[in-house]
């Protein structure tokens, strides 16, 4: 319970409200590559990431893995729309290392939302942000070339990681491979690698295994605004 209360979504839960979620019986530890669920059609749970990264995706008709998103500590996945049978074969698996999760049923969570309006508002905002990101990615793939999609991707990723526009450069932890980026923006890995190399040569981006740096955030923002 103390671990959950470190996060804004749960910080005002009372002991009784925490017990209502039955979280104590649903702590999950998973190793890198383990599936939390696979080809799920009847899942009735929500999952909260306490530590680590989760890859969300599905397998297409040709057997290719399509990545929808990669989520991290503090985020919710699973039946976040609070509806049963709507994941349409989605999978979720531990990514880049071990993960710690807690799970609770839709019914337990809905009861809590009815009695905790402030929690319902916070949850609605988190779901709204999740849907906004998905819509943004779709519009980018439909209307932008790979270079433009990459510029927007890394700038928005920086904002998600805490960039507030006040510094001329920004560095944050790297949890993505070039293949991940390619799948997330709807491109080929080789194309993404080529364009990333070009952006590094232009001084707009620097990527190592552990860090992503934006050396000139002002210029990057200007390019994102006009592309």
C-alpha atoms as a PDB file:
ATOM      1  CA  UNK A   1       0.000   0.000   0.000  1.00  0.00           C
ATOM      2  CA  UNK A   2       2.849   2.411   0.797  1.00  0.00           C
ATOM      3  CA  UNK A   3       4.327   1.750  -2.642  1.00  0.00           C
ATOM      4  CA  UNK A   4       1.046   2.590  -4.361  1.00  0.00           C
ATOM      5  CA  UNK A   5       0.609   5.770  -2.349  1.00  0.00           C
ATOM      6  CA  UNK A   6       3.797   7.144  -3.845  1.00  0.00           C
ATOM      7  CA  UNK A   7       1.838   7.721  -7.062  1.00  0.00           C
ATOM      8  CA  UNK A   8      -0.566  10.581  -7.630  1.00  0.00           C
ATOM      9  CA  UNK A   9      -3.408   8.351  -8.797  1.00  0.00           C
ATOM     10  CA  UNK A  10      -3.471   6.462  -5.497  1.00  0.00           C
ATOM     11  CA  UNK A  11      -2.109   8.922  -2.953  1.00  0.00           C
ATOM     12  CA  UNK A  12      -5.474   9.655  -1.286  1.00  0.00           C
ATOM     13  CA  UNK A  13      -6.685   6.067  -0.853  1.00  0.00           C
ATOM     14  CA  UNK A  14      -7.749   5.136   2.654  1.00  0.00           C
ATOM     15  CA  UNK A  15      -6.824   1.775   4.136  1.00  0.00           C
ATOM     16  CA  UNK A  16     -10.371   0.522   3.586  1.00  0.00           C
ATOM     17  CA  UNK A  17     -10.405   1.681  -0.047  1.00  0.00           C
ATOM     18  CA  UNK A  18      -7.091  -0.034  -0.670  1.00  0.00           C
ATOM     19  CA  UNK A  19      -8.497  -3.259   0.772  1.00  0.00           C
ATOM     20  CA  UNK A  20     -11.488  -2.991  -1.573  1.00  0.00           C
ATOM     21  CA  UNK A  21      -9.161  -3.341  -4.572  1.00  0.00           C
ATOM     22  CA  UNK A  22      -7.842  -6.687  -3.277  1.00  0.00           C
ATOM     23  CA  UNK A  23      -4.404  -5.668  -4.555  1.00  0.00           C
ATOM     24  CA  UNK A  24      -2.627  -7.609  -1.827  1.00  0.00           C
ATOM     25  CA  UNK A  25      -3.617 -10.854  -3.562  1.00  0.00           C
ATOM     26  CA  UNK A  26      -2.541  -9.716  -7.024  1.00  0.00           C
ATOM     27  CA  UNK A  27       1.071  -8.531  -6.889  1.00  0.00           C
ATOM     28  CA  UNK A  28       2.934  -9.784  -9.949  1.00  0.00           C
ATOM     29  CA  UNK A  29       6.655 -10.098 -10.567  1.00  0.00           C
ATOM     30  CA  UNK A  30       7.656 -10.962 -14.145  1.00  0.00           C
ATOM     31  CA  UNK A  31      11.028 -11.507 -15.793  1.00  0.00           C
ATOM     32  CA  UNK A  32      12.133  -9.954 -19.064  1.00  0.00           C
ATOM     33  CA  UNK A  33      10.158 -11.488 -21.940  1.00  0.00           C
ATOM     34  CA  UNK A  34       7.428 -12.982 -19.734  1.00  0.00           C
ATOM     35  CA  UNK A  35       3.880 -12.402 -20.939  1.00  0.00           C
ATOM     36  CA  UNK A  36       1.474 -10.769 -18.510  1.00  0.00           C
ATOM     37  CA  UNK A  37      -1.256 -11.811 -20.912  1.00  0.00           C
ATOM     38  CA  UNK A  38      -1.221 -13.025 -24.510  1.00  0.00           C
ATOM     39  CA  UNK A  39      -3.901 -12.992 -27.224  1.00  0.00           C
ATOM     40  CA  UNK A  40      -6.322 -11.748 -24.611  1.00  0.00           C
ATOM     41  CA  UNK A  41     -10.023 -11.635 -25.426  1.00  0.00           C
ATOM     42  CA  UNK A  42     -11.706 -12.066 -22.047  1.00  0.00           C
ATOM     43  CA  UNK A  43      -9.431 -10.191 -19.664  1.00  0.00           C
ATOM     44  CA  UNK A  44     -11.214  -8.621 -16.703  1.00  0.00           C
ATOM     45  CA  UNK A  45      -8.306  -6.826 -15.062  1.00  0.00           C
ATOM     46  CA  UNK A  46      -6.400  -3.586 -14.890  1.00  0.00           C
ATOM     47  CA  UNK A  47      -2.663  -3.558 -14.203  1.00  0.00           C
ATOM     48  CA  UNK A  48      -0.587  -0.821 -12.592  1.00  0.00           C
ATOM     49  CA  UNK A  49       3.157  -0.723 -13.314  1.00  0.00           C
ATOM     50  CA  UNK A  50       5.139  -0.257 -10.091  1.00  0.00           C
ATOM     51  CA  UNK A  51       8.537  -0.835 -11.674  1.00  0.00           C
ATOM     52  CA  UNK A  52       9.892  -1.630 -15.135  1.00  0.00           C
ATOM     53  CA  UNK A  53       8.554  -1.439 -18.684  1.00  0.00           C
ATOM     54  CA  UNK A  54       5.705  -3.227 -20.450  1.00  0.00           C
ATOM     55  CA  UNK A  55       5.371  -3.720 -24.205  1.00  0.00           C
ATOM     56  CA  UNK A  56       1.794  -3.688 -25.511  1.00  0.00           C
ATOM     57  CA  UNK A  57       1.020  -5.026 -28.976  1.00  0.00           C
ATOM     58  CA  UNK A  58      -0.507  -7.731 -31.109  1.00  0.00           C
ATOM     59  CA  UNK A  59       0.499 -10.257 -33.773  1.00  0.00           C
ATOM     60  CA  UNK A  60      -0.723  -9.507 -37.294  1.00  0.00           C
ATOM     61  CA  UNK A  61      -1.936 -12.059 -39.845  1.00  0.00           C
ATOM     62  CA  UNK A  62       1.615 -12.519 -41.180  1.00  0.00           C
ATOM     63  CA  UNK A  63       2.954 -13.294 -37.714  1.00  0.00           C
ATOM     64  CA  UNK A  64       4.658  -9.930 -37.243  1.00  0.00           C
ATOM     65  CA  UNK A  65       4.752  -8.267 -33.849  1.00  0.00           C
ATOM     66  CA  UNK A  66       3.031  -4.880 -33.984  1.00  0.00           C
ATOM     67  CA  UNK A  67       3.916  -2.608 -31.055  1.00  0.00           C
ATOM     68  CA  UNK A  68       1.137  -0.291 -29.900  1.00  0.00           C
ATOM     69  CA  UNK A  69       2.979   1.321 -27.018  1.00  0.00           C
ATOM     70  CA  UNK A  70       5.655   0.829 -24.402  1.00  0.00           C
ATOM     71  CA  UNK A  71       4.562   1.922 -20.963  1.00  0.00           C
ATOM     72  CA  UNK A  72       6.515   2.458 -17.781  1.00  0.00           C
ATOM     73  CA  UNK A  73       6.279   2.963 -14.047  1.00  0.00           C
ATOM     74  CA  UNK A  74       3.132   4.754 -12.900  1.00  0.00           C
ATOM     75  CA  UNK A  75       0.947   3.816 -15.876  1.00  0.00           C
ATOM     76  CA  UNK A  76      -2.093   1.565 -16.201  1.00  0.00           C
ATOM     77  CA  UNK A  77      -2.778  -1.022 -18.889  1.00  0.00           C
ATOM     78  CA  UNK A  78      -5.191  -3.875 -19.533  1.00  0.00           C
ATOM     79  CA  UNK A  79      -8.900  -3.134 -19.639  1.00  0.00           C
ATOM     80  CA  UNK A  80      -8.356   0.583 -19.057  1.00  0.00           C
ATOM     81  CA  UNK A  81     -11.660   1.405 -20.847  1.00  0.00           C
ATOM     82  CA  UNK A  82     -13.397  -0.656 -18.111  1.00  0.00           C
ATOM     83  CA  UNK A  83     -15.069  -2.897 -20.676  1.00  0.00           C
ATOM     84  CA  UNK A  84     -14.735  -6.653 -21.016  1.00  0.00           C
ATOM     85  CA  UNK A  85     -13.780  -8.452 -24.225  1.00  0.00           C
ATOM     86  CA  UNK A  86     -12.380  -5.434 -26.067  1.00  0.00           C
ATOM     87  CA  UNK A  87      -8.630  -6.135 -26.220  1.00  0.00           C
ATOM     88  CA  UNK A  88      -8.929  -8.018 -29.538  1.00  0.00           C
ATOM     89  CA  UNK A  89      -5.917 -10.284 -29.160  1.00  0.00           C
ATOM     90  CA  UNK A  90      -3.645  -7.735 -27.473  1.00  0.00           C
ATOM     91  CA  UNK A  91      -0.590  -8.979 -25.605  1.00  0.00           C
ATOM     92  CA  UNK A  92       1.438  -7.432 -22.782  1.00  0.00           C
ATOM     93  CA  UNK A  93       4.901  -8.605 -21.781  1.00  0.00           C
ATOM     94  CA  UNK A  94       7.794  -7.551 -19.581  1.00  0.00           C
ATOM     95  CA  UNK A  95      10.299  -5.533 -21.553  1.00  0.00           C
ATOM     96  CA  UNK A  96      13.978  -4.622 -21.059  1.00  0.00           C
ATOM     97  CA  UNK A  97      14.086  -6.331 -17.654  1.00  0.00           C
ATOM     98  CA  UNK A  98      11.982  -7.556 -14.753  1.00  0.00           C
ATOM     99  CA  UNK A  99       8.751  -5.761 -13.862  1.00  0.00           C
ATOM    100  CA  UNK A 100       6.608  -5.366 -10.760  1.00  0.00           C
ATOM    101  CA  UNK A 101       2.858  -4.969 -11.161  1.00  0.00           C
ATOM    102  CA  UNK A 102      -0.314  -4.964  -9.165  1.00  0.00           C
ATOM    103  CA  UNK A 103      -3.638  -6.059 -10.617  1.00  0.00           C
ATOM    104  CA  UNK A 104      -7.281  -5.543  -9.743  1.00  0.00           C
ATOM    105  CA  UNK A 105     -10.588  -6.450 -11.333  1.00  0.00           C
ATOM    106  CA  UNK A 106     -12.774  -4.029 -13.273  1.00  0.00           C
ATOM    107  CA  UNK A 107     -15.612  -4.565 -10.786  1.00  0.00           C
ATOM    108  CA  UNK A 108     -13.476  -3.687  -7.737  1.00  0.00           C
ATOM    109  CA  UNK A 109     -12.078  -0.605  -9.464  1.00  0.00           C
ATOM    110  CA  UNK A 110     -15.505   0.622 -10.637  1.00  0.00           C
ATOM    111  CA  UNK A 111     -16.867   0.385  -7.095  1.00  0.00           C
ATOM    112  CA  UNK A 112     -13.969   2.482  -5.866  1.00  0.00           C
ATOM    113  CA  UNK A 113     -14.452   5.094  -8.624  1.00  0.00           C
ATOM    114  CA  UNK A 114     -18.113   5.531  -7.673  1.00  0.00           C
ATOM    115  CA  UNK A 115     -17.160   6.343  -4.089  1.00  0.00           C
ATOM    116  CA  UNK A 116     -14.055   8.396  -4.896  1.00  0.00           C
ATOM    117  CA  UNK A 117     -14.863  11.183  -7.417  1.00  0.00           C
ATOM    118  CA  UNK A 118     -11.370  12.702  -7.233  1.00  0.00           C
ATOM    119  CA  UNK A 119      -9.870   9.334  -8.185  1.00  0.00           C
ATOM    120  CA  UNK A 120     -12.330   9.084 -11.090  1.00  0.00           C
ATOM    121  CA  UNK A 121     -11.203  12.504 -12.378  1.00  0.00           C
ATOM    122  CA  UNK A 122      -7.502  11.570 -12.163  1.00  0.00           C
ATOM    123  CA  UNK A 123      -8.170   8.272 -13.897  1.00  0.00           C
ATOM    124  CA  UNK A 124     -10.168   9.954 -16.671  1.00  0.00           C
ATOM    125  CA  UNK A 125      -7.255  12.326 -17.289  1.00  0.00           C
ATOM    126  CA  UNK A 126      -4.785   9.438 -17.509  1.00  0.00           C
ATOM    127  CA  UNK A 127      -7.017   7.547 -19.944  1.00  0.00           C
ATOM    128  CA  UNK A 128      -7.549  10.734 -21.966  1.00  0.00           C
ATOM    129  CA  UNK A 129      -3.791  11.243 -22.258  1.00  0.00           C
ATOM    130  CA  UNK A 130      -3.385   7.621 -23.354  1.00  0.00           C
ATOM    131  CA  UNK A 131      -5.980   8.086 -26.104  1.00  0.00           C
ATOM    132  CA  UNK A 132      -4.484  11.426 -27.137  1.00  0.00           C
ATOM    133  CA  UNK A 133      -1.073   9.798 -27.637  1.00  0.00           C
ATOM    134  CA  UNK A 134      -2.610   7.029 -29.736  1.00  0.00           C
ATOM    135  CA  UNK A 135      -4.451   9.558 -31.903  1.00  0.00           C
ATOM    136  CA  UNK A 136      -1.281  11.628 -32.331  1.00  0.00           C
ATOM    137  CA  UNK A 137       0.689   8.582 -33.474  1.00  0.00           C
ATOM    138  CA  UNK A 138      -1.989   7.675 -36.009  1.00  0.00           C
ATOM    139  CA  UNK A 139      -2.102  11.186 -37.479  1.00  0.00           C
ATOM    140  CA  UNK A 140       1.688  11.257 -37.684  1.00  0.00           C
ATOM    141  CA  UNK A 141       1.813   7.962 -39.579  1.00  0.00           C
ATOM    142  CA  UNK A 142      -0.878   9.128 -42.000  1.00  0.00           C
ATOM    143  CA  UNK A 143       0.446  12.608 -42.730  1.00  0.00           C
ATOM    144  CA  UNK A 144       4.185  12.869 -42.021  1.00  0.00           C
ATOM    145  CA  UNK A 145       7.392  11.475 -43.512  1.00  0.00           C
ATOM    146  CA  UNK A 146       9.823   9.467 -41.364  1.00  0.00           C
ATOM    147  CA  UNK A 147      12.049  12.439 -40.514  1.00  0.00           C
ATOM    148  CA  UNK A 148       9.086  14.518 -39.344  1.00  0.00           C
ATOM    149  CA  UNK A 149       7.680  11.590 -37.376  1.00  0.00           C
ATOM    150  CA  UNK A 150      11.018  11.070 -35.630  1.00  0.00           C
ATOM    151  CA  UNK A 151      11.384  14.745 -34.735  1.00  0.00           C
ATOM    152  CA  UNK A 152       7.900  14.784 -33.207  1.00  0.00           C
ATOM    153  CA  UNK A 153       8.422  11.423 -31.524  1.00  0.00           C
ATOM    154  CA  UNK A 154      11.571  12.416 -29.655  1.00  0.00           C
ATOM    155  CA  UNK A 155      10.285  15.879 -28.739  1.00  0.00           C
ATOM    156  CA  UNK A 156       7.044  14.470 -27.322  1.00  0.00           C
ATOM    157  CA  UNK A 157       8.946  11.679 -25.585  1.00  0.00           C
ATOM    158  CA  UNK A 158      11.071  14.342 -23.863  1.00  0.00           C
ATOM    159  CA  UNK A 159       7.917  16.110 -22.702  1.00  0.00           C
ATOM    160  CA  UNK A 160       6.574  12.845 -21.287  1.00  0.00           C
ATOM    161  CA  UNK A 161       9.890  12.431 -19.452  1.00  0.00           C
ATOM    162  CA  UNK A 162       9.629  15.844 -17.794  1.00  0.00           C
ATOM    163  CA  UNK A 163      10.918  18.442 -20.270  1.00  0.00           C
ATOM    164  CA  UNK A 164       9.108  21.723 -19.609  1.00  0.00           C
ATOM    165  CA  UNK A 165      10.625  23.950 -22.304  1.00  0.00           C
ATOM    166  CA  UNK A 166      12.799  25.944 -19.902  1.00  0.00           C
ATOM    167  CA  UNK A 167      16.229  24.528 -20.769  1.00  0.00           C
ATOM    168  CA  UNK A 168      18.254  24.721 -24.033  1.00  0.00           C
ATOM    169  CA  UNK A 169      18.973  20.982 -23.895  1.00  0.00           C
ATOM    170  CA  UNK A 170      17.465  17.918 -22.254  1.00  0.00           C
ATOM    171  CA  UNK A 171      18.632  14.384 -21.466  1.00  0.00           C
ATOM    172  CA  UNK A 172      16.584  11.433 -20.246  1.00  0.00           C
ATOM    173  CA  UNK A 173      16.880   7.659 -19.862  1.00  0.00           C
ATOM    174  CA  UNK A 174      16.726   5.556 -23.003  1.00  0.00           C
ATOM    175  CA  UNK A 175      14.438   2.523 -22.817  1.00  0.00           C
ATOM    176  CA  UNK A 176      14.000   2.068 -26.597  1.00  0.00           C
ATOM    177  CA  UNK A 177      15.880   0.315 -29.374  1.00  0.00           C
ATOM    178  CA  UNK A 178      15.852   1.543 -32.975  1.00  0.00           C
ATOM    179  CA  UNK A 179      13.494  -1.339 -33.742  1.00  0.00           C
ATOM    180  CA  UNK A 180      11.104  -0.157 -31.014  1.00  0.00           C
ATOM    181  CA  UNK A 181      11.110   3.374 -32.407  1.00  0.00           C
ATOM    182  CA  UNK A 182      10.512   2.072 -35.923  1.00  0.00           C
ATOM    183  CA  UNK A 183       7.495   0.027 -34.811  1.00  0.00           C
ATOM    184  CA  UNK A 184       6.080   2.890 -32.768  1.00  0.00           C
ATOM    185  CA  UNK A 185       6.216   5.367 -35.667  1.00  0.00           C
ATOM    186  CA  UNK A 186       5.281   2.879 -38.386  1.00  0.00           C
ATOM    187  CA  UNK A 187       8.549   2.643 -40.285  1.00  0.00           C
ATOM    188  CA  UNK A 188      11.368   0.197 -41.047  1.00  0.00           C
ATOM    189  CA  UNK A 189      14.260  -0.175 -38.606  1.00  0.00           C
ATOM    190  CA  UNK A 190      16.895   0.466 -41.277  1.00  0.00           C
ATOM    191  CA  UNK A 191      15.155   3.683 -42.345  1.00  0.00           C
ATOM    192  CA  UNK A 192      14.869   4.866 -38.757  1.00  0.00           C
ATOM    193  CA  UNK A 193      18.556   4.137 -38.096  1.00  0.00           C
ATOM    194  CA  UNK A 194      19.555   6.126 -41.184  1.00  0.00           C
ATOM    195  CA  UNK A 195      17.443   9.141 -40.228  1.00  0.00           C
ATOM    196  CA  UNK A 196      18.597   9.026 -36.586  1.00  0.00           C
ATOM    197  CA  UNK A 197      22.200   9.120 -37.810  1.00  0.00           C
ATOM    198  CA  UNK A 198      21.336  12.183 -39.916  1.00  0.00           C
ATOM    199  CA  UNK A 199      19.716  13.918 -36.933  1.00  0.00           C
ATOM    200  CA  UNK A 200      22.806  13.195 -34.827  1.00  0.00           C
ATOM    201  CA  UNK A 201      25.029  14.704 -37.513  1.00  0.00           C
ATOM    202  CA  UNK A 202      22.823  17.822 -37.479  1.00  0.00           C
ATOM    203  CA  UNK A 203      23.228  18.139 -33.708  1.00  0.00           C
ATOM    204  CA  UNK A 204      19.524  17.564 -33.014  1.00  0.00           C
ATOM    205  CA  UNK A 205      19.815  14.224 -31.272  1.00  0.00           C
ATOM    206  CA  UNK A 206      22.304  12.015 -29.441  1.00  0.00           C
ATOM    207  CA  UNK A 207      21.435   8.441 -28.514  1.00  0.00           C
ATOM    208  CA  UNK A 208      23.413   5.961 -26.447  1.00  0.00           C
ATOM    209  CA  UNK A 209      22.280   2.677 -24.937  1.00  0.00           C
ATOM    210  CA  UNK A 210      21.374   4.437 -21.686  1.00  0.00           C
ATOM    211  CA  UNK A 211      20.534   8.031 -22.598  1.00  0.00           C
ATOM    212  CA  UNK A 212      18.707  10.148 -25.176  1.00  0.00           C
ATOM    213  CA  UNK A 213      19.921  13.739 -25.452  1.00  0.00           C
ATOM    214  CA  UNK A 214      18.338  16.675 -27.259  1.00  0.00           C
ATOM    215  CA  UNK A 215      21.245  19.169 -27.548  1.00  0.00           C
ATOM    216  CA  UNK A 216      19.172  22.003 -29.045  1.00  0.00           C
ATOM    217  CA  UNK A 217      15.580  21.825 -27.835  1.00  0.00           C
ATOM    218  CA  UNK A 218      14.661  25.241 -29.254  1.00  0.00           C
ATOM    219  CA  UNK A 219      15.667  24.277 -32.788  1.00  0.00           C
ATOM    220  CA  UNK A 220      14.016  20.867 -32.419  1.00  0.00           C
ATOM    221  CA  UNK A 221      10.760  22.465 -31.303  1.00  0.00           C
ATOM    222  CA  UNK A 222      10.829  24.880 -34.249  1.00  0.00           C
ATOM    223  CA  UNK A 223      11.278  21.988 -36.669  1.00  0.00           C
ATOM    224  CA  UNK A 224       8.463  20.045 -35.029  1.00  0.00           C
ATOM    225  CA  UNK A 225       6.149  23.030 -35.343  1.00  0.00           C
ATOM    226  CA  UNK A 226       6.771  23.481 -39.096  1.00  0.00           C
ATOM    227  CA  UNK A 227       6.844  19.806 -40.167  1.00  0.00           C
END
